[in-house]
């Protein structure tokens, strides 16, 4: 699967002393078009990228749309970014 392949590539890169930059953009049949930038989906994508071992993680800026979770006070972009951290 894609995550296992990424994990192997990241491990190989790190064994060569390279810094790993991972673009973690959610896509697929389980995510709606609007959900691709939902704050909860973006937070999960960043979390998975970190677990895979990425040193630098690139995600899209989150919107205040929620795909799955109930989160309060995410009206401003700064609050949405704070949630992802």
PDB file of N, CA and C in Angstrom:
ATOM      1  N   UNK A   1       0.822  -1.178   0.000  1.00  0.00           N
ATOM      2  CA  UNK A   1       0.000   0.000   0.000  1.00  0.00           C
ATOM      3  C   UNK A   1       0.872   1.250   0.000  1.00  0.00           C
ATOM      4  N   UNK A   2       0.269   2.393  -0.237  1.00  0.00           N
ATOM      5  CA  UNK A   2       1.007   3.640  -0.411  1.00  0.00           C
ATOM      6  C   UNK A   2       1.782   4.044   0.847  1.00  0.00           C
ATOM      7  N   UNK A   3       1.188   3.845   2.012  1.00  0.00           N
ATOM      8  CA  UNK A   3       1.871   4.237   3.251  1.00  0.00           C
ATOM      9  C   UNK A   3       3.085   3.350   3.517  1.00  0.00           C
ATOM     10  N   UNK A   4       2.969   2.078   3.250  1.00  0.00           N
ATOM     11  CA  UNK A   4       4.104   1.173   3.445  1.00  0.00           C
ATOM     12  C   UNK A   4       5.233   1.522   2.478  1.00  0.00           C
ATOM     13  N   UNK A   5       4.885   1.823   1.241  1.00  0.00           N
ATOM     14  CA  UNK A   5       5.888   2.226   0.257  1.00  0.00           C
ATOM     15  C   UNK A   5       6.585   3.523   0.698  1.00  0.00           C
ATOM     16  N   UNK A   6       5.803   4.486   1.175  1.00  0.00           N
ATOM     17  CA  UNK A   6       6.374   5.752   1.651  1.00  0.00           C
ATOM     18  C   UNK A   6       7.290   5.510   2.844  1.00  0.00           C
ATOM     19  N   UNK A   7       6.869   4.657   3.762  1.00  0.00           N
ATOM     20  CA  UNK A   7       7.688   4.359   4.941  1.00  0.00           C
ATOM     21  C   UNK A   7       9.050   3.800   4.536  1.00  0.00           C
ATOM     22  N   UNK A   8       9.053   2.887   3.570  1.00  0.00           N
ATOM     23  CA  UNK A   8      10.310   2.284   3.110  1.00  0.00           C
ATOM     24  C   UNK A   8      11.210   3.319   2.437  1.00  0.00           C
ATOM     25  N   UNK A   9      10.631   4.144   1.593  1.00  0.00           N
ATOM     26  CA  UNK A   9      11.409   5.175   0.896  1.00  0.00           C
ATOM     27  C   UNK A   9      11.981   6.176   1.899  1.00  0.00           C
ATOM     28  N   UNK A  10      11.174   6.564   2.877  1.00  0.00           N
ATOM     29  CA  UNK A  10      11.631   7.506   3.905  1.00  0.00           C
ATOM     30  C   UNK A  10      12.776   6.903   4.713  1.00  0.00           C
ATOM     31  N   UNK A  11      12.646   5.650   5.095  1.00  0.00           N
ATOM     32  CA  UNK A  11      13.707   4.983   5.856  1.00  0.00           C
ATOM     33  C   UNK A  11      14.997   4.920   5.044  1.00  0.00           C
ATOM     34  N   UNK A  12      14.883   4.612   3.760  1.00  0.00           N
ATOM     35  CA  UNK A  12      16.066   4.549   2.898  1.00  0.00           C
ATOM     36  C   UNK A  12      16.715   5.930   2.768  1.00  0.00           C
ATOM     37  N   UNK A  13      15.905   6.950   2.562  1.00  0.00           N
ATOM     38  CA  UNK A  13      16.432   8.311   2.437  1.00  0.00           C
ATOM     39  C   UNK A  13      17.155   8.731   3.713  1.00  0.00           C
ATOM     40  N   UNK A  14      16.552   8.449   4.848  1.00  0.00           N
ATOM     41  CA  UNK A  14      17.167   8.827   6.125  1.00  0.00           C
ATOM     42  C   UNK A  14      18.459   8.051   6.373  1.00  0.00           C
ATOM     43  N   UNK A  15      18.514   6.799   5.922  1.00  0.00           N
ATOM     44  CA  UNK A  15      19.737   6.015   6.093  1.00  0.00           C
ATOM     45  C   UNK A  15      20.891   6.590   5.271  1.00  0.00           C
ATOM     46  N   UNK A  16      20.557   7.374   4.245  1.00  0.00           N
ATOM     47  CA  UNK A  16      21.568   8.053   3.417  1.00  0.00           C
ATOM     48  C   UNK A  16      21.839   9.471   3.909  1.00  0.00           C
ATOM     49  N   UNK A  17      21.215   9.842   5.024  1.00  0.00           N
ATOM     50  CA  UNK A  17      21.428  11.161   5.597  1.00  0.00           C
ATOM     51  C   UNK A  17      20.620  12.272   4.960  1.00  0.00           C
ATOM     52  N   UNK A  18      19.587  11.911   4.225  1.00  0.00           N
ATOM     53  CA  UNK A  18      18.758  12.911   3.553  1.00  0.00           C
ATOM     54  C   UNK A  18      17.609  13.377   4.445  1.00  0.00           C
ATOM     55  N   UNK A  19      17.217  14.613   4.259  1.00  0.00           N
ATOM     56  CA  UNK A  19      16.024  15.152   4.903  1.00  0.00           C
ATOM     57  C   UNK A  19      14.836  14.772   4.026  1.00  0.00           C
ATOM     58  N   UNK A  20      13.742  14.369   4.638  1.00  0.00           N
ATOM     59  CA  UNK A  20      12.566  13.926   3.887  1.00  0.00           C
ATOM     60  C   UNK A  20      11.473  14.984   3.945  1.00  0.00           C
ATOM     61  N   UNK A  21      11.057  15.440   2.764  1.00  0.00           N
ATOM     62  CA  UNK A  21       9.934  16.363   2.628  1.00  0.00           C
ATOM     63  C   UNK A  21       8.777  15.557   2.051  1.00  0.00           C
ATOM     64  N   UNK A  22       7.654  15.539   2.747  1.00  0.00           N
ATOM     65  CA  UNK A  22       6.503  14.756   2.292  1.00  0.00           C
ATOM     66  C   UNK A  22       5.305  15.667   2.081  1.00  0.00           C
ATOM     67  N   UNK A  23       4.743  15.607   0.886  1.00  0.00           N
ATOM     68  CA  UNK A  23       3.505  16.328   0.594  1.00  0.00           C
ATOM     69  C   UNK A  23       2.370  15.392   0.964  1.00  0.00           C
ATOM     70  N   UNK A  24       1.619  15.736   1.972  1.00  0.00           N
ATOM     71  CA  UNK A  24       0.548  14.877   2.462  1.00  0.00           C
ATOM     72  C   UNK A  24      -0.801  15.488   2.085  1.00  0.00           C
ATOM     73  N   UNK A  25      -1.262  15.135   0.898  1.00  0.00           N
ATOM     74  CA  UNK A  25      -2.513  15.667   0.365  1.00  0.00           C
ATOM     75  C   UNK A  25      -3.552  14.546   0.316  1.00  0.00           C
ATOM     76  N   UNK A  26      -4.578  14.591   1.164  1.00  0.00           N
ATOM     77  CA  UNK A  26      -5.608  13.552   1.179  1.00  0.00           C
ATOM     78  C   UNK A  26      -6.386  13.499  -0.140  1.00  0.00           C
ATOM     79  N   UNK A  27      -6.566  12.318  -0.652  1.00  0.00           N
ATOM     80  CA  UNK A  27      -7.338  12.092  -1.873  1.00  0.00           C
ATOM     81  C   UNK A  27      -7.997  10.714  -1.763  1.00  0.00           C
ATOM     82  N   UNK A  28      -8.930  10.446  -2.641  1.00  0.00           N
ATOM     83  CA  UNK A  28      -9.491   9.108  -2.718  1.00  0.00           C
ATOM     84  C   UNK A  28     -10.984   9.076  -2.514  1.00  0.00           C
ATOM     85  N   UNK A  29     -11.524   7.887  -2.647  1.00  0.00           N
ATOM     86  CA  UNK A  29     -12.979   7.721  -2.583  1.00  0.00           C
ATOM     87  C   UNK A  29     -13.548   7.945  -1.186  1.00  0.00           C
ATOM     88  N   UNK A  30     -12.724   7.872  -0.146  1.00  0.00           N
ATOM     89  CA  UNK A  30     -13.207   8.073   1.214  1.00  0.00           C
ATOM     90  C   UNK A  30     -13.256   9.526   1.648  1.00  0.00           C
ATOM     91  N   UNK A  31     -12.794  10.433   0.771  1.00  0.00           N
ATOM     92  CA  UNK A  31     -12.740  11.854   1.109  1.00  0.00           C
ATOM     93  C   UNK A  31     -13.470  12.642   0.027  1.00  0.00           C
ATOM     94  N   UNK A  32     -14.398  13.488   0.449  1.00  0.00           N
ATOM     95  CA  UNK A  32     -15.107  14.330  -0.517  1.00  0.00           C
ATOM     96  C   UNK A  32     -14.159  15.404  -1.042  1.00  0.00           C
ATOM     97  N   UNK A  33     -14.537  16.053  -2.124  1.00  0.00           N
ATOM     98  CA  UNK A  33     -13.714  17.137  -2.674  1.00  0.00           C
ATOM     99  C   UNK A  33     -13.524  18.231  -1.623  1.00  0.00           C
ATOM    100  N   UNK A  34     -14.591  18.602  -0.951  1.00  0.00           N
ATOM    101  CA  UNK A  34     -14.507  19.609   0.109  1.00  0.00           C
ATOM    102  C   UNK A  34     -13.679  19.087   1.287  1.00  0.00           C
ATOM    103  N   UNK A  35     -13.744  17.785   1.510  1.00  0.00           N
ATOM    104  CA  UNK A  35     -13.005  17.171   2.607  1.00  0.00           C
ATOM    105  C   UNK A  35     -11.498  17.160   2.415  1.00  0.00           C
ATOM    106  N   UNK A  36     -11.037  17.349   1.173  1.00  0.00           N
ATOM    107  CA  UNK A  36      -9.599  17.361   0.906  1.00  0.00           C
ATOM    108  C   UNK A  36      -8.876  18.473   1.655  1.00  0.00           C
ATOM    109  N   UNK A  37      -9.616  19.519   2.034  1.00  0.00           N
ATOM    110  CA  UNK A  37      -9.012  20.607   2.809  1.00  0.00           C
ATOM    111  C   UNK A  37      -9.703  20.803   4.162  1.00  0.00           C
ATOM    112  N   UNK A  38     -10.508  19.844   4.576  1.00  0.00           N
ATOM    113  CA  UNK A  38     -11.178  19.917   5.879  1.00  0.00           C
ATOM    114  C   UNK A  38     -10.128  19.885   6.985  1.00  0.00           C
ATOM    115  N   UNK A  39     -10.330  20.678   8.008  1.00  0.00           N
ATOM    116  CA  UNK A  39      -9.330  20.808   9.063  1.00  0.00           C
ATOM    117  C   UNK A  39      -9.030  19.466   9.738  1.00  0.00           C
ATOM    118  N   UNK A  40     -10.029  18.626   9.950  1.00  0.00           N
ATOM    119  CA  UNK A  40      -9.774  17.339  10.598  1.00  0.00           C
ATOM    120  C   UNK A  40      -9.014  16.387   9.678  1.00  0.00           C
ATOM    121  N   UNK A  41      -9.299  16.423   8.392  1.00  0.00           N
ATOM    122  CA  UNK A  41      -8.617  15.554   7.425  1.00  0.00           C
ATOM    123  C   UNK A  41      -7.166  16.004   7.250  1.00  0.00           C
ATOM    124  N   UNK A  42      -6.944  17.311   7.159  1.00  0.00           N
ATOM    125  CA  UNK A  42      -5.587  17.840   7.024  1.00  0.00           C
ATOM    126  C   UNK A  42      -4.757  17.501   8.264  1.00  0.00           C
ATOM    127  N   UNK A  43      -5.348  17.618   9.446  1.00  0.00           N
ATOM    128  CA  UNK A  43      -4.639  17.279  10.683  1.00  0.00           C
ATOM    129  C   UNK A  43      -4.231  15.806  10.684  1.00  0.00           C
ATOM    130  N   UNK A  44      -5.125  14.938  10.236  1.00  0.00           N
ATOM    131  CA  UNK A  44      -4.816  13.506  10.182  1.00  0.00           C
ATOM    132  C   UNK A  44      -3.713  13.232   9.160  1.00  0.00           C
ATOM    133  N   UNK A  45      -3.770  13.902   8.017  1.00  0.00           N
ATOM    134  CA  UNK A  45      -2.745  13.722   6.987  1.00  0.00           C
ATOM    135  C   UNK A  45      -1.369  14.131   7.512  1.00  0.00           C
ATOM    136  N   UNK A  46      -1.311  15.240   8.248  1.00  0.00           N
ATOM    137  CA  UNK A  46      -0.049  15.693   8.833  1.00  0.00           C
ATOM    138  C   UNK A  46       0.445  14.696   9.883  1.00  0.00           C
ATOM    139  N   UNK A  47      -0.466  14.179  10.667  1.00  0.00           N
ATOM    140  CA  UNK A  47      -0.124  13.199  11.705  1.00  0.00           C
ATOM    141  C   UNK A  47       0.479  11.935  11.085  1.00  0.00           C
ATOM    142  N   UNK A  48      -0.151  11.417  10.057  1.00  0.00           N
ATOM    143  CA  UNK A  48       0.346  10.207   9.392  1.00  0.00           C
ATOM    144  C   UNK A  48       1.721  10.454   8.781  1.00  0.00           C
ATOM    145  N   UNK A  49       1.904  11.609   8.143  1.00  0.00           N
ATOM    146  CA  UNK A  49       3.205  11.937   7.551  1.00  0.00           C
ATOM    147  C   UNK A  49       4.293  11.964   8.623  1.00  0.00           C
ATOM    148  N   UNK A  50       3.967  12.510   9.787  1.00  0.00           N
ATOM    149  CA  UNK A  50       4.926  12.536  10.896  1.00  0.00           C
ATOM    150  C   UNK A  50       5.239  11.120  11.375  1.00  0.00           C
ATOM    151  N   UNK A  51       4.219  10.286  11.476  1.00  0.00           N
ATOM    152  CA  UNK A  51       4.437   8.898  11.900  1.00  0.00           C
ATOM    153  C   UNK A  51       5.286   8.121  10.897  1.00  0.00           C
ATOM    154  N   UNK A  52       5.168   8.463   9.624  1.00  0.00           N
ATOM    155  CA  UNK A  52       5.969   7.804   8.590  1.00  0.00           C
ATOM    156  C   UNK A  52       7.433   8.236   8.640  1.00  0.00           C
ATOM    157  N   UNK A  53       7.708   9.337   9.345  1.00  0.00           N
ATOM    158  CA  UNK A  53       9.084   9.769   9.529  1.00  0.00           C
ATOM    159  C   UNK A  53       9.499  10.995   8.751  1.00  0.00           C
ATOM    160  N   UNK A  54       8.567  11.705   8.143  1.00  0.00           N
ATOM    161  CA  UNK A  54       8.919  12.900   7.377  1.00  0.00           C
ATOM    162  C   UNK A  54       9.516  13.967   8.291  1.00  0.00           C
ATOM    163  N   UNK A  55      10.542  14.646   7.798  1.00  0.00           N
ATOM    164  CA  UNK A  55      11.143  15.758   8.540  1.00  0.00           C
ATOM    165  C   UNK A  55      10.390  17.056   8.303  1.00  0.00           C
ATOM    166  N   UNK A  56       9.934  17.243   7.081  1.00  0.00           N
ATOM    167  CA  UNK A  56       9.160  18.422   6.703  1.00  0.00           C
ATOM    168  C   UNK A  56       7.877  17.926   6.054  1.00  0.00           C
ATOM    169  N   UNK A  57       6.745  18.458   6.499  1.00  0.00           N
ATOM    170  CA  UNK A  57       5.445  17.998   6.000  1.00  0.00           C
ATOM    171  C   UNK A  57       4.721  19.165   5.357  1.00  0.00           C
ATOM    172  N   UNK A  58       4.307  18.982   4.108  1.00  0.00           N
ATOM    173  CA  UNK A  58       3.567  20.014   3.385  1.00  0.00           C
ATOM    174  C   UNK A  58       2.111  19.573   3.279  1.00  0.00           C
ATOM    175  N   UNK A  59       1.217  20.413   3.741  1.00  0.00           N
ATOM    176  CA  UNK A  59      -0.217  20.157   3.624  1.00  0.00           C
ATOM    177  C   UNK A  59      -0.878  21.396   3.035  1.00  0.00           C
ATOM    178  N   UNK A  60      -2.069  21.232   2.524  1.00  0.00           N
ATOM    179  CA  UNK A  60      -2.842  22.382   2.066  1.00  0.00           C
ATOM    180  C   UNK A  60      -3.350  23.136   3.290  1.00  0.00           C
ATOM    181  N   UNK A  61      -3.571  24.448   3.127  1.00  0.00           N
ATOM    182  CA  UNK A  61      -4.153  25.212   4.228  1.00  0.00           C
ATOM    183  C   UNK A  61      -5.556  24.690   4.507  1.00  0.00           C
ATOM    184  N   UNK A  62      -5.887  24.462   5.770  1.00  0.00           N
ATOM    185  CA  UNK A  62      -7.194  23.891   6.098  1.00  0.00           C
ATOM    186  C   UNK A  62      -8.317  24.916   6.020  1.00  0.00           C
ATOM    187  N   UNK A  63      -9.472  24.432   5.613  1.00  0.00           N
ATOM    188  CA  UNK A  63     -10.692  25.236   5.665  1.00  0.00           C
ATOM    189  C   UNK A  63     -11.397  24.926   6.980  1.00  0.00           C
ATOM    190  N   UNK A  64     -12.498  25.595   7.254  1.00  0.00           N
ATOM    191  CA  UNK A  64     -13.224  25.293   8.489  1.00  0.00           C
ATOM    192  C   UNK A  64     -14.247  24.177   8.295  1.00  0.00           C
ATOM    193  N   UNK A  65     -14.217  23.532   7.139  1.00  0.00           N
ATOM    194  CA  UNK A  65     -15.093  22.380   6.895  1.00  0.00           C
ATOM    195  C   UNK A  65     -14.625  21.208   7.756  1.00  0.00           C
ATOM    196  N   UNK A  66     -15.573  20.455   8.285  1.00  0.00           N
ATOM    197  CA  UNK A  66     -15.267  19.237   9.041  1.00  0.00           C
ATOM    198  C   UNK A  66     -15.808  18.044   8.281  1.00  0.00           C
ATOM    199  N   UNK A  67     -14.953  17.104   7.990  1.00  0.00           N
ATOM    200  CA  UNK A  67     -15.368  15.900   7.277  1.00  0.00           C
ATOM    201  C   UNK A  67     -15.911  14.858   8.245  1.00  0.00           C
ATOM    202  N   UNK A  68     -15.289  14.734   9.419  1.00  0.00           N
ATOM    203  CA  UNK A  68     -15.677  13.671  10.337  1.00  0.00           C
ATOM    204  C   UNK A  68     -15.819  14.119  11.797  1.00  0.00           C
ATOM    205  N   UNK A  69     -14.938  14.964  12.287  1.00  0.00           N
ATOM    206  CA  UNK A  69     -14.893  15.305  13.713  1.00  0.00           C
ATOM    207  C   UNK A  69     -15.741  16.518  14.058  1.00  0.00           C
ATOM    208  N   UNK A  70     -16.000  16.669  15.337  1.00  0.00           N
ATOM    209  CA  UNK A  70     -16.638  17.866  15.876  1.00  0.00           C
ATOM    210  C   UNK A  70     -15.538  18.678  16.560  1.00  0.00           C
ATOM    211  N   UNK A  71     -15.221  19.826  15.994  1.00  0.00           N
ATOM    212  CA  UNK A  71     -14.194  20.703  16.550  1.00  0.00           C
ATOM    213  C   UNK A  71     -14.806  22.086  16.689  1.00  0.00           C
ATOM    214  N   UNK A  72     -14.526  22.740  17.802  1.00  0.00           N
ATOM    215  CA  UNK A  72     -15.077  24.074  18.019  1.00  0.00           C
ATOM    216  C   UNK A  72     -14.014  25.139  17.795  1.00  0.00           C
ATOM    217  N   UNK A  73     -14.465  26.342  17.486  1.00  0.00           N
ATOM    218  CA  UNK A  73     -13.619  27.523  17.354  1.00  0.00           C
ATOM    219  C   UNK A  73     -12.525  27.358  16.301  1.00  0.00           C
ATOM    220  N   UNK A  74     -12.922  27.106  15.058  1.00  0.00           N
ATOM    221  CA  UNK A  74     -11.961  27.004  13.958  1.00  0.00           C
ATOM    222  C   UNK A  74     -12.310  27.973  12.832  1.00  0.00           C
ATOM    223  N   UNK A  75     -12.948  29.065  13.182  1.00  0.00           N
ATOM    224  CA  UNK A  75     -13.373  30.029  12.166  1.00  0.00           C
ATOM    225  C   UNK A  75     -12.201  30.760  11.519  1.00  0.00           C
ATOM    226  N   UNK A  76     -11.151  31.050  12.263  1.00  0.00           N
ATOM    227  CA  UNK A  76     -10.017  31.771  11.681  1.00  0.00           C
ATOM    228  C   UNK A  76      -8.963  30.782  11.188  1.00  0.00           C
ATOM    229  N   UNK A  77      -8.205  31.202  10.171  1.00  0.00           N
ATOM    230  CA  UNK A  77      -7.139  30.356   9.639  1.00  0.00           C
ATOM    231  C   UNK A  77      -6.110  30.043  10.718  1.00  0.00           C
ATOM    232  N   UNK A  78      -5.784  31.009  11.558  1.00  0.00           N
ATOM    233  CA  UNK A  78      -4.793  30.769  12.609  1.00  0.00           C
ATOM    234  C   UNK A  78      -5.265  29.696  13.591  1.00  0.00           C
ATOM    235  N   UNK A  79      -6.553  29.658  13.911  1.00  0.00           N
ATOM    236  CA  UNK A  79      -7.094  28.615  14.801  1.00  0.00           C
ATOM    237  C   UNK A  79      -7.042  27.246  14.123  1.00  0.00           C
ATOM    238  N   UNK A  80      -7.298  27.201  12.805  1.00  0.00           N
ATOM    239  CA  UNK A  80      -7.243  25.927  12.083  1.00  0.00           C
ATOM    240  C   UNK A  80      -5.812  25.407  12.023  1.00  0.00           C
ATOM    241  N   UNK A  81      -4.853  26.300  11.789  1.00  0.00           N
ATOM    242  CA  UNK A  81      -3.449  25.890  11.763  1.00  0.00           C
ATOM    243  C   UNK A  81      -3.014  25.444  13.153  1.00  0.00           C
ATOM    244  N   UNK A  82      -3.446  26.142  14.183  1.00  0.00           N
ATOM    245  CA  UNK A  82      -3.145  25.760  15.569  1.00  0.00           C
ATOM    246  C   UNK A  82      -3.670  24.353  15.865  1.00  0.00           C
ATOM    247  N   UNK A  83      -4.862  24.016  15.362  1.00  0.00           N
ATOM    248  CA  UNK A  83      -5.433  22.686  15.572  1.00  0.00           C
ATOM    249  C   UNK A  83      -4.552  21.610  14.940  1.00  0.00           C
ATOM    250  N   UNK A  84      -4.003  21.889  13.780  1.00  0.00           N
ATOM    251  CA  UNK A  84      -3.178  20.905  13.072  1.00  0.00           C
ATOM    252  C   UNK A  84      -1.858  20.670  13.780  1.00  0.00           C
ATOM    253  N   UNK A  85      -1.297  21.704  14.382  1.00  0.00           N
ATOM    254  CA  UNK A  85      -0.021  21.540  15.094  1.00  0.00           C
ATOM    255  C   UNK A  85      -0.194  20.521  16.181  1.00  0.00           C
TER     256      UNK A  85
END
